[in-house]
Amino acid sequence: MITSNSPSLKKGREKVYYSSNPAFYVGIDCIIFGFYEGEISLLLLKRNFEPAMGEWSLMGGFVQNNESVDDAAKRVLHELTGLENVYMEQVGAFGAIDRDPGERVISVAYYALININEYDRKQVQKHNAYWVNINELPPLIFDHPEMVEKARELMKQKASVEPIGFNLLPKLFTLSQLQSLYEAIYGETMDKRNFRKRVAEMDYIEKTDKIDKLGSKRGAALYKFNGKAYRKDPKFKI
């Protein structure tokens, strides 16, 4: 005799509950930022598949059965750049009914900050991807422009209170490079004296004994970010 509380009946009710609702694809879209020649750049794909073949898009994929949404984002990023342990932040979910003409897809977007000199160029070429200046973006497919705009705002907010910008720089950098980076993030010019005064107050931005001779004839001192020192006194504002 099967009672109303029997395990088999409960399991049957659960199946009906789930099967009576629609199932959707869960997508991942990665907004990958880099820093090049004093400007923020975005890694974009020239799509060689449908829908929207030949148009520009973000790097994306689908969440698989054996992975979380975060793990899927890390995999998608690794497949494109060859990089692991990259700074990533979730931007949000995008679920307009007709956002993807192929199928009903709810996409979770992430932005990532990478050193533009460290990624796997062969992987990027394989995916038909290119770096594009953030101020010269071509038309993007679907709701990707909205994702990029939201990611830029989140990056700007976070960069003002946490040292995430250093993920875009080489391990050794000049103060001119550092100022140029934050000017590019905020989209505004900063006073050189005030900027360097604020930097001098941050013990975790350390001057090294190395000199950069490529930027000027005299050469400029190279600095590094000391994460361990920052974690001891995590105060940041540029």
Protein backbone atom coordinates (compact mmCIF):
# COMPACT_ATOMS: atom_id res chain seq x y z
CA MET A 1 0.00 0.00 0.00
CA ILE A 2 1.32 3.44 -1.00
CA THR A 3 0.53 6.20 1.48
CA SER A 4 0.49 9.93 0.78
CA ASN A 5 3.81 10.24 2.65
CA SER A 6 5.61 7.38 0.91
CA PRO A 7 9.01 8.22 -0.70
CA SER A 8 7.93 7.02 -4.16
CA LEU A 9 4.87 9.28 -4.19
CA LYS A 10 6.89 12.27 -2.98
CA LYS A 11 9.44 11.69 -5.71
CA GLY A 12 6.66 11.51 -8.29
CA ARG A 13 5.26 14.84 -7.11
CA GLU A 14 8.70 16.42 -7.35
CA LYS A 15 9.10 15.22 -10.93
CA VAL A 16 5.71 16.64 -11.88
CA TYR A 17 6.62 19.96 -10.21
CA TYR A 18 9.80 20.32 -12.26
CA SER A 19 8.53 18.84 -15.53
CA SER A 20 5.48 21.10 -15.53
CA ASN A 21 7.76 24.13 -15.85
CA PRO A 22 9.83 25.13 -18.90
CA ALA A 23 13.58 24.42 -19.09
CA PHE A 24 15.99 27.07 -20.41
CA TYR A 25 19.61 27.24 -21.51
CA VAL A 26 21.90 29.06 -19.08
CA GLY A 27 24.56 31.00 -20.93
CA ILE A 28 27.80 32.68 -19.87
CA ASP A 29 29.14 35.89 -21.39
CA CYS A 30 32.59 37.24 -20.51
CA ILE A 31 33.48 40.93 -20.74
CA ILE A 32 37.28 40.72 -20.86
CA PHE A 33 39.11 43.99 -20.21
CA GLY A 34 42.77 44.68 -20.94
CA PHE A 35 44.96 47.81 -20.80
CA TYR A 36 46.91 48.78 -23.92
CA GLU A 37 48.68 52.01 -24.96
CA GLY A 38 46.97 54.08 -22.30
CA GLU A 39 43.46 52.84 -23.07
CA ILE A 40 41.11 50.14 -21.82
CA SER A 41 40.48 47.51 -24.49
CA LEU A 42 37.87 44.78 -24.82
CA LEU A 43 38.44 41.28 -26.22
CA LEU A 44 35.75 40.63 -28.85
CA LEU A 45 34.91 37.77 -31.19
CA LYS A 46 34.18 38.09 -34.88
CA ARG A 47 31.60 35.30 -34.90
CA ASN A 48 32.19 32.43 -37.33
CA PHE A 49 28.97 30.62 -36.42
CA GLU A 50 25.23 31.27 -36.39
CA PRO A 51 23.27 33.08 -35.19
CA ALA A 52 24.77 36.46 -36.11
CA MET A 53 27.70 35.04 -38.10
CA GLY A 54 30.21 37.73 -39.06
CA GLU A 55 29.11 40.11 -36.31
CA TRP A 56 30.95 41.17 -33.15
CA SER A 57 30.17 39.61 -29.79
CA LEU A 58 31.51 38.83 -26.35
CA MET A 59 33.06 35.44 -25.59
CA GLY A 60 30.38 33.06 -24.36
CA GLY A 61 29.29 29.51 -23.73
CA PHE A 62 26.79 27.41 -21.80
CA VAL A 63 26.76 26.08 -18.27
CA GLN A 64 27.26 22.30 -18.33
CA ASN A 65 25.61 19.70 -16.08
CA ASN A 66 28.74 19.13 -14.01
CA GLU A 67 29.68 22.76 -13.21
CA SER A 68 28.47 25.77 -11.29
CA VAL A 69 27.85 29.10 -12.99
CA ASP A 70 31.15 30.47 -11.60
CA ASP A 71 33.06 27.40 -12.81
CA ALA A 72 31.50 27.76 -16.26
CA ALA A 73 32.68 31.38 -16.43
CA LYS A 74 36.22 30.35 -15.49
CA ARG A 75 36.17 27.62 -18.14
CA VAL A 76 34.92 29.97 -20.87
CA LEU A 77 37.63 32.50 -20.00
CA HIS A 78 40.32 29.80 -19.96
CA GLU A 79 39.19 28.41 -23.32
CA LEU A 80 39.66 31.82 -24.90
CA THR A 81 42.76 33.18 -23.14
CA GLY A 82 44.53 30.13 -21.70
CA LEU A 83 44.60 31.95 -18.34
CA GLU A 84 43.61 30.68 -14.90
CA ASN A 85 43.17 32.43 -11.53
CA VAL A 86 42.00 35.59 -13.28
CA TYR A 87 40.16 38.37 -11.46
CA MET A 88 36.46 37.97 -12.32
CA GLU A 89 33.30 39.58 -11.02
CA GLN A 90 29.69 38.72 -11.80
CA VAL A 91 27.86 41.52 -13.59
CA GLY A 92 24.35 40.07 -13.42
CA ALA A 93 21.74 37.98 -15.24
CA PHE A 94 20.20 38.98 -18.57
CA GLY A 95 16.95 37.25 -19.43
CA ALA A 96 14.84 39.17 -21.95
CA ILE A 97 12.57 36.71 -23.77
CA ASP A 98 13.94 37.42 -27.25
CA ARG A 99 17.53 38.31 -26.32
CA ASP A 100 18.94 35.37 -28.33
CA PRO A 101 17.27 34.51 -31.66
CA GLY A 102 18.59 30.93 -31.51
CA GLU A 103 16.88 29.68 -28.32
CA ARG A 104 15.53 30.95 -25.02
CA VAL A 105 18.77 31.68 -23.16
CA ILE A 106 19.25 33.32 -19.78
CA SER A 107 22.82 34.59 -19.64
CA VAL A 108 24.96 35.38 -16.61
CA ALA A 109 27.63 37.95 -17.46
CA TYR A 110 31.05 38.33 -15.84
CA TYR A 111 33.80 40.86 -16.34
CA ALA A 112 37.46 39.88 -16.14
CA LEU A 113 40.66 41.93 -15.85
CA ILE A 114 43.77 40.50 -17.49
CA ASN A 115 47.29 41.60 -18.30
CA ILE A 116 47.22 42.09 -22.05
CA ASN A 117 50.76 40.67 -22.36
CA GLU A 118 50.10 37.34 -20.65
CA TYR A 119 47.24 35.68 -22.53
CA ASP A 120 47.62 32.80 -25.01
CA ARG A 121 47.67 34.47 -28.44
CA LYS A 122 47.17 31.21 -30.32
CA GLN A 123 43.99 30.52 -28.36
CA VAL A 124 42.69 34.01 -29.08
CA GLN A 125 43.45 33.68 -32.81
CA LYS A 126 41.78 30.26 -32.86
CA HIS A 127 38.55 31.86 -31.61
CA ASN A 128 38.83 34.74 -34.11
CA ALA A 129 39.08 37.27 -31.27
CA TYR A 130 40.60 40.76 -31.31
CA TRP A 131 41.39 43.55 -28.85
CA VAL A 132 39.30 46.65 -29.52
CA ASN A 133 39.64 50.07 -27.85
CA ILE A 134 36.69 50.52 -25.47
CA ASN A 135 36.01 53.95 -26.99
CA GLU A 136 35.89 52.57 -30.54
CA LEU A 137 33.66 49.52 -30.16
CA PRO A 138 31.79 48.22 -33.21
CA PRO A 139 28.07 47.38 -32.94
CA LEU A 140 27.68 44.28 -30.73
CA ILE A 141 25.01 41.59 -31.00
CA PHE A 142 22.01 40.94 -28.75
CA ASP A 143 22.19 42.70 -25.36
CA HIS A 144 26.01 42.67 -25.25
CA PRO A 145 26.25 46.51 -25.31
CA GLU A 146 24.17 46.59 -22.11
CA MET A 147 26.46 44.00 -20.51
CA VAL A 148 29.58 46.00 -21.41
CA GLU A 149 28.11 49.25 -20.07
CA LYS A 150 27.09 47.65 -16.78
CA ALA A 151 30.50 45.95 -16.46
CA ARG A 152 32.31 49.26 -17.02
CA GLU A 153 30.30 50.95 -14.28
CA LEU A 154 30.92 48.09 -11.84
CA MET A 155 34.64 48.10 -12.65
CA LYS A 156 34.83 51.86 -12.12
CA GLN A 157 33.06 51.63 -8.74
CA LYS A 158 35.20 48.72 -7.53
CA ALA A 159 38.46 50.26 -8.79
CA SER A 160 37.88 53.34 -6.64
CA VAL A 161 37.87 51.38 -3.38
CA GLU A 162 39.89 48.22 -4.09
CA PRO A 163 43.17 47.71 -5.97
CA ILE A 164 41.64 45.61 -8.76
CA GLY A 165 43.27 47.80 -11.42
CA PHE A 166 46.65 46.19 -10.80
CA ASN A 167 45.32 43.07 -12.55
CA LEU A 168 45.54 45.06 -15.79
CA LEU A 169 49.20 46.04 -15.30
CA PRO A 170 52.44 44.09 -15.64
CA LYS A 171 54.06 43.05 -12.35
CA LEU A 172 56.46 46.00 -12.64
CA PHE A 173 55.07 49.36 -13.75
CA THR A 174 55.89 53.07 -13.73
CA LEU A 175 53.84 55.67 -11.91
CA SER A 176 52.99 57.16 -15.31
CA GLN A 177 51.53 53.81 -16.37
CA LEU A 178 49.57 53.59 -13.14
CA GLN A 179 48.11 57.07 -13.56
CA SER A 180 47.33 56.39 -17.21
CA LEU A 181 45.46 53.24 -16.18
CA TYR A 182 43.21 55.00 -13.68
CA GLU A 183 42.59 57.86 -16.06
CA ALA A 184 41.42 55.28 -18.62
CA ILE A 185 39.19 53.51 -16.06
CA TYR A 186 37.55 56.74 -14.86
CA GLY A 187 37.60 58.49 -18.24
CA GLU A 188 39.09 61.68 -16.84
CA THR A 189 42.48 63.38 -16.45
CA MET A 190 44.11 63.42 -13.02
CA ASP A 191 46.48 65.97 -11.53
CA LYS A 192 49.96 64.41 -11.52
CA ARG A 193 51.10 65.88 -8.19
CA ASN A 194 47.94 64.89 -6.32
CA PHE A 195 47.98 61.40 -7.83
CA ARG A 196 51.57 60.74 -6.79
CA LYS A 197 50.89 62.15 -3.33
CA ARG A 198 48.08 59.60 -2.85
CA VAL A 199 50.27 56.79 -4.17
CA ALA A 200 53.08 57.74 -1.77
CA GLU A 201 50.65 57.18 1.13
CA MET A 202 50.11 53.56 0.08
CA ASP A 203 52.89 51.44 1.55
CA TYR A 204 51.90 48.46 -0.59
CA ILE A 205 52.87 50.25 -3.82
CA GLU A 206 56.61 49.65 -3.55
CA LYS A 207 59.41 51.25 -5.48
CA THR A 208 61.95 48.73 -6.82
CA ASP A 209 65.59 49.22 -7.82
CA LYS A 210 64.72 48.59 -11.47
CA ILE A 211 64.43 51.24 -14.17
CA ASP A 212 62.21 51.37 -17.25
CA LYS A 213 64.33 52.74 -20.10
CA LEU A 214 61.74 52.26 -22.83
CA GLY A 215 59.39 55.07 -21.81
CA SER A 216 62.00 57.85 -21.64
CA LYS A 217 65.72 58.48 -22.19
CA ARG A 218 66.34 59.13 -18.49
CA GLY A 219 64.36 56.11 -17.46
CA ALA A 220 61.63 55.87 -14.85
CA ALA A 221 61.56 53.91 -11.60
CA LEU A 222 59.55 50.71 -11.65
CA TYR A 223 57.07 49.90 -8.89
CA LYS A 224 55.22 46.78 -7.79
CA PHE A 225 52.02 46.02 -5.90
CA ASN A 226 52.57 44.08 -2.67
CA GLY A 227 49.37 42.11 -2.05
CA LYS A 228 50.56 40.79 1.30
CA ALA A 229 51.22 44.31 2.61
CA TYR A 230 47.83 45.48 1.33
CA ARG A 231 45.97 42.69 3.13
CA LYS A 232 47.54 43.82 6.41
CA ASP A 233 46.11 47.31 5.96
CA PRO A 234 43.47 47.21 3.21
CA LYS A 235 42.88 50.89 2.64
CA PHE A 236 42.70 52.07 -0.93
CA LYS A 237 41.48 55.17 -2.71
CA ILE A 238 42.62 56.60 -6.03
